[in-house]
Amino acid sequence: MTGDELVEFAESIKSRDDFLKFMRFYVEDFQVNKDEWENTDLASYLFGLNGFVGSMDGYYKNKGEQVDVDHPSWKMLAEVLLAACVFEG
């Protein structure tokens, strides 16, 4: 699965089962495409995760999506994890 396909899959997540499938693809992407990730060690990934979560209300606003960032969905959780691999915290 390419990075774009992974993003598209994340956007279609509606259930925990969908999220679990996403996680399998996400781990595989890290194993195969690690060189395309900005945050490849745990510390930088966690800083990216923290940075994105702290600013994700602006991210969704810029996308024109109204979401309740205080009550994340499985889809939003997948999007947070995707952002953490490249977001500089």
PDB file of N, CA and C in Angstrom:
ATOM      1  N   MET A   1       0.855  -1.171   0.000  1.00  0.00           N
ATOM      2  CA  MET A   1       0.000   0.000   0.000  1.00  0.00           C
ATOM      3  C   MET A   1       0.902   1.235   0.000  1.00  0.00           C
ATOM      4  N   THR A   2       0.644   2.174  -0.901  1.00  0.00           N
ATOM      5  CA  THR A   2       1.436   3.396  -0.965  1.00  0.00           C
ATOM      6  C   THR A   2       1.007   4.355   0.138  1.00  0.00           C
ATOM      7  N   GLY A   3       1.807   5.394   0.338  1.00  0.00           N
ATOM      8  CA  GLY A   3       1.470   6.401   1.343  1.00  0.00           C
ATOM      9  C   GLY A   3       0.134   7.061   1.073  1.00  0.00           C
ATOM     10  N   ASP A   4      -0.127   7.371  -0.205  1.00  0.00           N
ATOM     11  CA  ASP A   4      -1.409   7.984  -0.561  1.00  0.00           C
ATOM     12  C   ASP A   4      -2.571   7.029  -0.288  1.00  0.00           C
ATOM     13  N   GLU A   5      -2.360   5.755  -0.577  1.00  0.00           N
ATOM     14  CA  GLU A   5      -3.416   4.765  -0.315  1.00  0.00           C
ATOM     15  C   GLU A   5      -3.655   4.623   1.184  1.00  0.00           C
ATOM     16  N   LEU A   6      -2.605   4.729   1.971  1.00  0.00           N
ATOM     17  CA  LEU A   6      -2.731   4.651   3.416  1.00  0.00           C
ATOM     18  C   LEU A   6      -3.548   5.833   3.941  1.00  0.00           C
ATOM     19  N   VAL A   7      -3.299   7.015   3.403  1.00  0.00           N
ATOM     20  CA  VAL A   7      -4.069   8.202   3.785  1.00  0.00           C
ATOM     21  C   VAL A   7      -5.532   8.029   3.385  1.00  0.00           C
ATOM     22  N   GLU A   8      -5.775   7.541   2.179  1.00  0.00           N
ATOM     23  CA  GLU A   8      -7.152   7.307   1.726  1.00  0.00           C
ATOM     24  C   GLU A   8      -7.850   6.282   2.609  1.00  0.00           C
ATOM     25  N   PHE A   9      -7.130   5.223   2.965  1.00  0.00           N
ATOM     26  CA  PHE A   9      -7.714   4.207   3.841  1.00  0.00           C
ATOM     27  C   PHE A   9      -8.077   4.829   5.185  1.00  0.00           C
ATOM     28  N   ALA A  10      -7.190   5.652   5.733  1.00  0.00           N
ATOM     29  CA  ALA A  10      -7.460   6.302   7.020  1.00  0.00           C
ATOM     30  C   ALA A  10      -8.724   7.148   6.950  1.00  0.00           C
ATOM     31  N   GLU A  11      -8.922   7.820   5.836  1.00  0.00           N
ATOM     32  CA  GLU A  11     -10.104   8.675   5.681  1.00  0.00           C
ATOM     33  C   GLU A  11     -11.403   7.877   5.619  1.00  0.00           C
ATOM     34  N   SER A  12     -11.302   6.589   5.329  1.00  0.00           N
ATOM     35  CA  SER A  12     -12.508   5.762   5.216  1.00  0.00           C
ATOM     36  C   SER A  12     -12.826   4.982   6.493  1.00  0.00           C
ATOM     37  N   ILE A  13     -12.018   5.130   7.516  1.00  0.00           N
ATOM     38  CA  ILE A  13     -12.205   4.342   8.742  1.00  0.00           C
ATOM     39  C   ILE A  13     -13.499   4.736   9.441  1.00  0.00           C
ATOM     40  N   LYS A  14     -14.280   3.713   9.768  1.00  0.00           N
ATOM     41  CA  LYS A  14     -15.550   3.929  10.443  1.00  0.00           C
ATOM     42  C   LYS A  14     -15.703   3.070  11.696  1.00  0.00           C
ATOM     43  N   SER A  15     -14.787   2.125  11.927  1.00  0.00           N
ATOM     44  CA  SER A  15     -14.955   1.195  13.047  1.00  0.00           C
ATOM     45  C   SER A  15     -13.600   0.787  13.627  1.00  0.00           C
ATOM     46  N   ARG A  16     -13.659   0.126  14.754  1.00  0.00           N
ATOM     47  CA  ARG A  16     -12.440  -0.383  15.370  1.00  0.00           C
ATOM     48  C   ARG A  16     -11.771  -1.401  14.453  1.00  0.00           C
ATOM     49  N   ASP A  17     -12.559  -2.252  13.805  1.00  0.00           N
ATOM     50  CA  ASP A  17     -11.987  -3.231  12.875  1.00  0.00           C
ATOM     51  C   ASP A  17     -11.256  -2.543  11.729  1.00  0.00           C
ATOM     52  N   ASP A  18     -11.833  -1.465  11.211  1.00  0.00           N
ATOM     53  CA  ASP A  18     -11.153  -0.697  10.162  1.00  0.00           C
ATOM     54  C   ASP A  18      -9.829  -0.150  10.687  1.00  0.00           C
ATOM     55  N   PHE A  19      -9.842   0.351  11.921  1.00  0.00           N
ATOM     56  CA  PHE A  19      -8.632   0.903  12.520  1.00  0.00           C
ATOM     57  C   PHE A  19      -7.569  -0.181  12.682  1.00  0.00           C
ATOM     58  N   LEU A  20      -7.973  -1.364  13.089  1.00  0.00           N
ATOM     59  CA  LEU A  20      -7.021  -2.467  13.247  1.00  0.00           C
ATOM     60  C   LEU A  20      -6.386  -2.843  11.909  1.00  0.00           C
ATOM     61  N   LYS A  21      -7.175  -2.825  10.832  1.00  0.00           N
ATOM     62  CA  LYS A  21      -6.621  -3.067   9.492  1.00  0.00           C
ATOM     63  C   LYS A  21      -5.632  -1.967   9.133  1.00  0.00           C
ATOM     64  N   PHE A  22      -6.019  -0.730   9.416  1.00  0.00           N
ATOM     65  CA  PHE A  22      -5.135   0.398   9.161  1.00  0.00           C
ATOM     66  C   PHE A  22      -3.803   0.212   9.886  1.00  0.00           C
ATOM     67  N   MET A  23      -3.849  -0.208  11.137  1.00  0.00           N
ATOM     68  CA  MET A  23      -2.621  -0.369  11.919  1.00  0.00           C
ATOM     69  C   MET A  23      -1.693  -1.407  11.298  1.00  0.00           C
ATOM     70  N   ARG A  24      -2.251  -2.488  10.765  1.00  0.00           N
ATOM     71  CA  ARG A  24      -1.408  -3.481  10.099  1.00  0.00           C
ATOM     72  C   ARG A  24      -0.713  -2.861   8.889  1.00  0.00           C
ATOM     73  N   PHE A  25      -1.449  -2.078   8.094  1.00  0.00           N
ATOM     74  CA  PHE A  25      -0.867  -1.404   6.930  1.00  0.00           C
ATOM     75  C   PHE A  25       0.159  -0.350   7.366  1.00  0.00           C
ATOM     76  N   TYR A  26      -0.122   0.328   8.464  1.00  0.00           N
ATOM     77  CA  TYR A  26       0.748   1.386   8.970  1.00  0.00           C
ATOM     78  C   TYR A  26       2.095   0.822   9.416  1.00  0.00           C
ATOM     79  N   VAL A  27       2.064  -0.274  10.143  1.00  0.00           N
ATOM     80  CA  VAL A  27       3.300  -0.922  10.577  1.00  0.00           C
ATOM     81  C   VAL A  27       4.090  -1.411   9.368  1.00  0.00           C
ATOM     82  N   GLU A  28       3.381  -1.992   8.412  1.00  0.00           N
ATOM     83  CA  GLU A  28       4.037  -2.454   7.190  1.00  0.00           C
ATOM     84  C   GLU A  28       4.688  -1.284   6.449  1.00  0.00           C
ATOM     85  N   ASP A  29       3.999  -0.144   6.405  1.00  0.00           N
ATOM     86  CA  ASP A  29       4.553   1.021   5.739  1.00  0.00           C
ATOM     87  C   ASP A  29       5.845   1.460   6.424  1.00  0.00           C
ATOM     88  N   PHE A  30       5.872   1.441   7.740  1.00  0.00           N
ATOM     89  CA  PHE A  30       7.094   1.804   8.453  1.00  0.00           C
ATOM     90  C   PHE A  30       8.225   0.843   8.118  1.00  0.00           C
ATOM     91  N   GLN A  31       7.918  -0.426   8.072  1.00  0.00           N
ATOM     92  CA  GLN A  31       8.947  -1.428   7.787  1.00  0.00           C
ATOM     93  C   GLN A  31       9.490  -1.292   6.369  1.00  0.00           C
ATOM     94  N   VAL A  32       8.626  -0.982   5.426  1.00  0.00           N
ATOM     95  CA  VAL A  32       9.016  -0.923   4.010  1.00  0.00           C
ATOM     96  C   VAL A  32       9.511   0.467   3.598  1.00  0.00           C
ATOM     97  N   ASN A  33       8.913   1.516   4.153  1.00  0.00           N
ATOM     98  CA  ASN A  33       9.198   2.885   3.704  1.00  0.00           C
ATOM     99  C   ASN A  33       9.752   3.774   4.810  1.00  0.00           C
ATOM    100  N   LYS A  34      10.464   3.216   5.734  1.00  0.00           N
ATOM    101  CA  LYS A  34      10.977   3.970   6.878  1.00  0.00           C
ATOM    102  C   LYS A  34      11.741   5.223   6.443  1.00  0.00           C
ATOM    103  N   ASP A  35      12.438   5.145   5.328  1.00  0.00           N
ATOM    104  CA  ASP A  35      13.219   6.285   4.855  1.00  0.00           C
ATOM    105  C   ASP A  35      12.356   7.472   4.419  1.00  0.00           C
ATOM    106  N   GLU A  36      11.064   7.250   4.219  1.00  0.00           N
ATOM    107  CA  GLU A  36      10.145   8.324   3.845  1.00  0.00           C
ATOM    108  C   GLU A  36       9.517   9.006   5.064  1.00  0.00           C
ATOM    109  N   TRP A  37       9.708   8.426   6.235  1.00  0.00           N
ATOM    110  CA  TRP A  37       9.174   8.988   7.475  1.00  0.00           C
ATOM    111  C   TRP A  37      10.170  10.007   8.024  1.00  0.00           C
ATOM    112  N   GLU A  38       9.683  11.122   8.537  1.00  0.00           N
ATOM    113  CA  GLU A  38      10.547  12.104   9.192  1.00  0.00           C
ATOM    114  C   GLU A  38      10.932  11.623  10.590  1.00  0.00           C
ATOM    115  N   ASN A  39       9.987  11.050  11.302  1.00  0.00           N
ATOM    116  CA  ASN A  39      10.169  10.678  12.700  1.00  0.00           C
ATOM    117  C   ASN A  39      10.276   9.162  12.830  1.00  0.00           C
ATOM    118  N   THR A  40      11.507   8.671  12.785  1.00  0.00           N
ATOM    119  CA  THR A  40      11.719   7.222  12.751  1.00  0.00           C
ATOM    120  C   THR A  40      12.158   6.628  14.077  1.00  0.00           C
ATOM    121  N   ASP A  41      12.415   7.477  15.062  1.00  0.00           N
ATOM    122  CA  ASP A  41      12.724   6.936  16.385  1.00  0.00           C
ATOM    123  C   ASP A  41      11.584   7.326  17.334  1.00  0.00           C
ATOM    124  N   LEU A  42      11.481   6.625  18.437  1.00  0.00           N
ATOM    125  CA  LEU A  42      10.337   6.805  19.335  1.00  0.00           C
ATOM    126  C   LEU A  42      10.221   8.234  19.843  1.00  0.00           C
ATOM    127  N   ALA A  43      11.319   8.830  20.256  1.00  0.00           N
ATOM    128  CA  ALA A  43      11.254  10.188  20.817  1.00  0.00           C
ATOM    129  C   ALA A  43      10.721  11.193  19.793  1.00  0.00           C
ATOM    130  N   SER A  44      11.265  11.182  18.574  1.00  0.00           N
ATOM    131  CA  SER A  44      10.799  12.143  17.572  1.00  0.00           C
ATOM    132  C   SER A  44       9.356  11.850  17.160  1.00  0.00           C
ATOM    133  N   TYR A  45       8.981  10.567  17.107  1.00  0.00           N
ATOM    134  CA  TYR A  45       7.595  10.218  16.780  1.00  0.00           C
ATOM    135  C   TYR A  45       6.644  10.755  17.848  1.00  0.00           C
ATOM    136  N   LEU A  46       7.011  10.581  19.107  1.00  0.00           N
ATOM    137  CA  LEU A  46       6.154  11.059  20.197  1.00  0.00           C
ATOM    138  C   LEU A  46       6.084  12.586  20.217  1.00  0.00           C
ATOM    139  N   PHE A  47       7.200  13.266  19.917  1.00  0.00           N
ATOM    140  CA  PHE A  47       7.158  14.725  19.807  1.00  0.00           C
ATOM    141  C   PHE A  47       6.243  15.147  18.659  1.00  0.00           C
ATOM    142  N   GLY A  48       6.322  14.438  17.532  1.00  0.00           N
ATOM    143  CA  GLY A  48       5.424  14.721  16.411  1.00  0.00           C
ATOM    144  C   GLY A  48       3.972  14.486  16.777  1.00  0.00           C
ATOM    145  N   LEU A  49       3.712  13.413  17.480  1.00  0.00           N
ATOM    146  CA  LEU A  49       2.356  13.096  17.941  1.00  0.00           C
ATOM    147  C   LEU A  49       1.842  14.206  18.839  1.00  0.00           C
ATOM    148  N   ASN A  50       2.656  14.618  19.793  1.00  0.00           N
ATOM    149  CA  ASN A  50       2.276  15.678  20.710  1.00  0.00           C
ATOM    150  C   ASN A  50       2.019  16.991  19.966  1.00  0.00           C
ATOM    151  N   GLY A  51       2.906  17.316  19.040  1.00  0.00           N
ATOM    152  CA  GLY A  51       2.754  18.558  18.288  1.00  0.00           C
ATOM    153  C   GLY A  51       1.488  18.583  17.452  1.00  0.00           C
ATOM    154  N   PHE A  52       1.208  17.468  16.793  1.00  0.00           N
ATOM    155  CA  PHE A  52       0.007  17.436  15.951  1.00  0.00           C
ATOM    156  C   PHE A  52      -1.260  17.499  16.797  1.00  0.00           C
ATOM    157  N   VAL A  53      -1.305  16.722  17.865  1.00  0.00           N
ATOM    158  CA  VAL A  53      -2.501  16.731  18.721  1.00  0.00           C
ATOM    159  C   VAL A  53      -2.741  18.135  19.275  1.00  0.00           C
ATOM    160  N   GLY A  54      -1.662  18.837  19.588  1.00  0.00           N
ATOM    161  CA  GLY A  54      -1.801  20.196  20.102  1.00  0.00           C
ATOM    162  C   GLY A  54      -2.326  21.200  19.085  1.00  0.00           C
ATOM    163  N   SER A  55      -2.188  20.895  17.816  1.00  0.00           N
ATOM    164  CA  SER A  55      -2.618  21.843  16.780  1.00  0.00           C
ATOM    165  C   SER A  55      -3.645  21.269  15.812  1.00  0.00           C
ATOM    166  N   MET A  56      -4.191  20.098  16.128  1.00  0.00           N
ATOM    167  CA  MET A  56      -5.053  19.450  15.137  1.00  0.00           C
ATOM    168  C   MET A  56      -6.380  20.161  14.928  1.00  0.00           C
ATOM    169  N   ASP A  57      -6.817  20.983  15.876  1.00  0.00           N
ATOM    170  CA  ASP A  57      -8.040  21.741  15.618  1.00  0.00           C
ATOM    171  C   ASP A  57      -7.846  22.654  14.415  1.00  0.00           C
ATOM    172  N   GLY A  58      -6.665  23.267  14.301  1.00  0.00           N
ATOM    173  CA  GLY A  58      -6.356  24.096  13.138  1.00  0.00           C
ATOM    174  C   GLY A  58      -6.237  23.282  11.859  1.00  0.00           C
ATOM    175  N   TYR A  59      -5.684  22.081  11.964  1.00  0.00           N
ATOM    176  CA  TYR A  59      -5.563  21.188  10.808  1.00  0.00           C
ATOM    177  C   TYR A  59      -6.943  20.891  10.224  1.00  0.00           C
ATOM    178  N   TYR A  60      -7.874  20.495  11.080  1.00  0.00           N
ATOM    179  CA  TYR A  60      -9.216  20.160  10.583  1.00  0.00           C
ATOM    180  C   TYR A  60      -9.957  21.402  10.091  1.00  0.00           C
ATOM    181  N   LYS A  61      -9.731  22.524  10.745  1.00  0.00           N
ATOM    182  CA  LYS A  61     -10.357  23.768  10.289  1.00  0.00           C
ATOM    183  C   LYS A  61      -9.856  24.123   8.892  1.00  0.00           C
ATOM    184  N   ASN A  62      -8.539  23.981   8.661  1.00  0.00           N
ATOM    185  CA  ASN A  62      -7.968  24.265   7.340  1.00  0.00           C
ATOM    186  C   ASN A  62      -8.490  23.319   6.269  1.00  0.00           C
ATOM    187  N   LYS A  63      -8.820  22.085   6.660  1.00  0.00           N
ATOM    188  CA  LYS A  63      -9.390  21.129   5.703  1.00  0.00           C
ATOM    189  C   LYS A  63     -10.875  21.367   5.478  1.00  0.00           C
ATOM    190  N   GLY A  64     -11.476  22.286   6.257  1.00  0.00           N
ATOM    191  CA  GLY A  64     -12.902  22.562   6.143  1.00  0.00           C
ATOM    192  C   GLY A  64     -13.771  21.511   6.808  1.00  0.00           C
ATOM    193  N   GLU A  65     -13.173  20.768   7.732  1.00  0.00           N
ATOM    194  CA  GLU A  65     -13.913  19.718   8.441  1.00  0.00           C
ATOM    195  C   GLU A  65     -14.244  20.192   9.846  1.00  0.00           C
ATOM    196  N   GLN A  66     -15.479  19.971  10.236  1.00  0.00           N
ATOM    197  CA  GLN A  66     -15.877  20.263  11.604  1.00  0.00           C
ATOM    198  C   GLN A  66     -15.849  18.968  12.387  1.00  0.00           C
ATOM    199  N   VAL A  67     -14.886  18.865  13.296  1.00  0.00           N
ATOM    200  CA  VAL A  67     -14.770  17.676  14.134  1.00  0.00           C
ATOM    201  C   VAL A  67     -14.585  18.112  15.575  1.00  0.00           C
ATOM    202  N   ASP A  68     -14.992  17.256  16.478  1.00  0.00           N
ATOM    203  CA  ASP A  68     -14.813  17.508  17.902  1.00  0.00           C
ATOM    204  C   ASP A  68     -13.504  16.857  18.320  1.00  0.00           C
ATOM    205  N   VAL A  69     -12.447  17.658  18.412  1.00  0.00           N
ATOM    206  CA  VAL A  69     -11.133  17.107  18.722  1.00  0.00           C
ATOM    207  C   VAL A  69     -11.043  16.591  20.156  1.00  0.00           C
ATOM    208  N   ASP A  70     -12.033  16.915  20.974  1.00  0.00           N
ATOM    209  CA  ASP A  70     -12.050  16.395  22.346  1.00  0.00           C
ATOM    210  C   ASP A  70     -12.718  15.028  22.441  1.00  0.00           C
ATOM    211  N   HIS A  71     -13.285  14.563  21.347  1.00  0.00           N
ATOM    212  CA  HIS A  71     -13.926  13.249  21.286  1.00  0.00           C
ATOM    213  C   HIS A  71     -13.525  12.562  19.977  1.00  0.00           C
ATOM    214  N   PRO A  72     -12.261  12.105  19.916  1.00  0.00           N
ATOM    215  CA  PRO A  72     -11.756  11.549  18.648  1.00  0.00           C
ATOM    216  C   PRO A  72     -12.440  10.249  18.239  1.00  0.00           C
ATOM    217  N   SER A  73     -12.529  10.074  16.944  1.00  0.00           N
ATOM    218  CA  SER A  73     -13.074   8.851  16.354  1.00  0.00           C
ATOM    219  C   SER A  73     -11.912   7.929  15.987  1.00  0.00           C
ATOM    220  N   TRP A  74     -12.230   6.707  15.551  1.00  0.00           N
ATOM    221  CA  TRP A  74     -11.188   5.790  15.062  1.00  0.00           C
ATOM    222  C   TRP A  74     -10.491   6.406  13.862  1.00  0.00           C
ATOM    223  N   LYS A  75     -11.242   7.081  13.019  1.00  0.00           N
ATOM    224  CA  LYS A  75     -10.673   7.755  11.843  1.00  0.00           C
ATOM    225  C   LYS A  75      -9.677   8.825  12.281  1.00  0.00           C
ATOM    226  N   MET A  76     -10.073   9.637  13.250  1.00  0.00           N
ATOM    227  CA  MET A  76      -9.202  10.701  13.712  1.00  0.00           C
ATOM    228  C   MET A  76      -7.938  10.130  14.358  1.00  0.00           C
ATOM    229  N   LEU A  77      -8.075   9.047  15.076  1.00  0.00           N
ATOM    230  CA  LEU A  77      -6.910   8.418  15.686  1.00  0.00           C
ATOM    231  C   LEU A  77      -5.914   7.978  14.607  1.00  0.00           C
ATOM    232  N   ALA A  78      -6.411   7.405  13.537  1.00  0.00           N
ATOM    233  CA  ALA A  78      -5.539   7.000  12.430  1.00  0.00           C
ATOM    234  C   ALA A  78      -4.860   8.219  11.807  1.00  0.00           C
ATOM    235  N   GLU A  79      -5.600   9.303  11.636  1.00  0.00           N
ATOM    236  CA  GLU A  79      -5.020  10.509  11.055  1.00  0.00           C
ATOM    237  C   GLU A  79      -3.949  11.107  11.970  1.00  0.00           C
ATOM    238  N   VAL A  80      -4.159  11.030  13.274  1.00  0.00           N
ATOM    239  CA  VAL A  80      -3.171  11.512  14.232  1.00  0.00           C
ATOM    240  C   VAL A  80      -1.879  10.695  14.110  1.00  0.00           C
ATOM    241  N   LEU A  81      -2.018   9.379  14.016  1.00  0.00           N
ATOM    242  CA  LEU A  81      -0.836   8.529  13.884  1.00  0.00           C
ATOM    243  C   LEU A  81      -0.098   8.793  12.579  1.00  0.00           C
ATOM    244  N   LEU A  82      -0.835   9.002  11.507  1.00  0.00           N
ATOM    245  CA  LEU A  82      -0.193   9.327  10.224  1.00  0.00           C
ATOM    246  C   LEU A  82       0.564  10.646  10.319  1.00  0.00           C
ATOM    247  N   ALA A  83      -0.031  11.618  10.935  1.00  0.00           N
ATOM    248  CA  ALA A  83       0.618  12.929  11.051  1.00  0.00           C
ATOM    249  C   ALA A  83       1.880  12.838  11.904  1.00  0.00           C
ATOM    250  N   ALA A  84       1.860  12.010  12.915  1.00  0.00           N
ATOM    251  CA  ALA A  84       3.008  11.904  13.822  1.00  0.00           C
ATOM    252  C   ALA A  84       4.268  11.414  13.132  1.00  0.00           C
ATOM    253  N   CYS A  85       4.134  10.704  12.036  1.00  0.00           N
ATOM    254  CA  CYS A  85       5.335  10.207  11.362  1.00  0.00           C
ATOM    255  C   CYS A  85       6.071  11.298  10.604  1.00  0.00           C
ATOM    256  N   VAL A  86       5.432  12.447  10.373  1.00  0.00           N
ATOM    257  CA  VAL A  86       6.085  13.520   9.630  1.00  0.00           C
ATOM    258  C   VAL A  86       6.033  14.883  10.339  1.00  0.00           C
ATOM    259  N   PHE A  87       5.171  15.038  11.320  1.00  0.00           N
ATOM    260  CA  PHE A  87       4.980  16.340  11.990  1.00  0.00           C
ATOM    261  C   PHE A  87       6.168  16.621  12.902  1.00  0.00           C
ATOM    262  N   GLU A  88       6.703  17.817  12.793  1.00  0.00           N
ATOM    263  CA  GLU A  88       7.816  18.190  13.668  1.00  0.00           C
ATOM    264  C   GLU A  88       7.253  18.851  14.910  1.00  0.00           C
ATOM    265  N   GLY A  89       7.430  18.175  16.043  1.00  0.00           N
ATOM    266  CA  GLY A  89       6.899  18.662  17.316  1.00  0.00           C
ATOM    267  C   GLY A  89       7.744  19.719  17.852  1.00  0.00           C
TER     268      GLY A  89
END
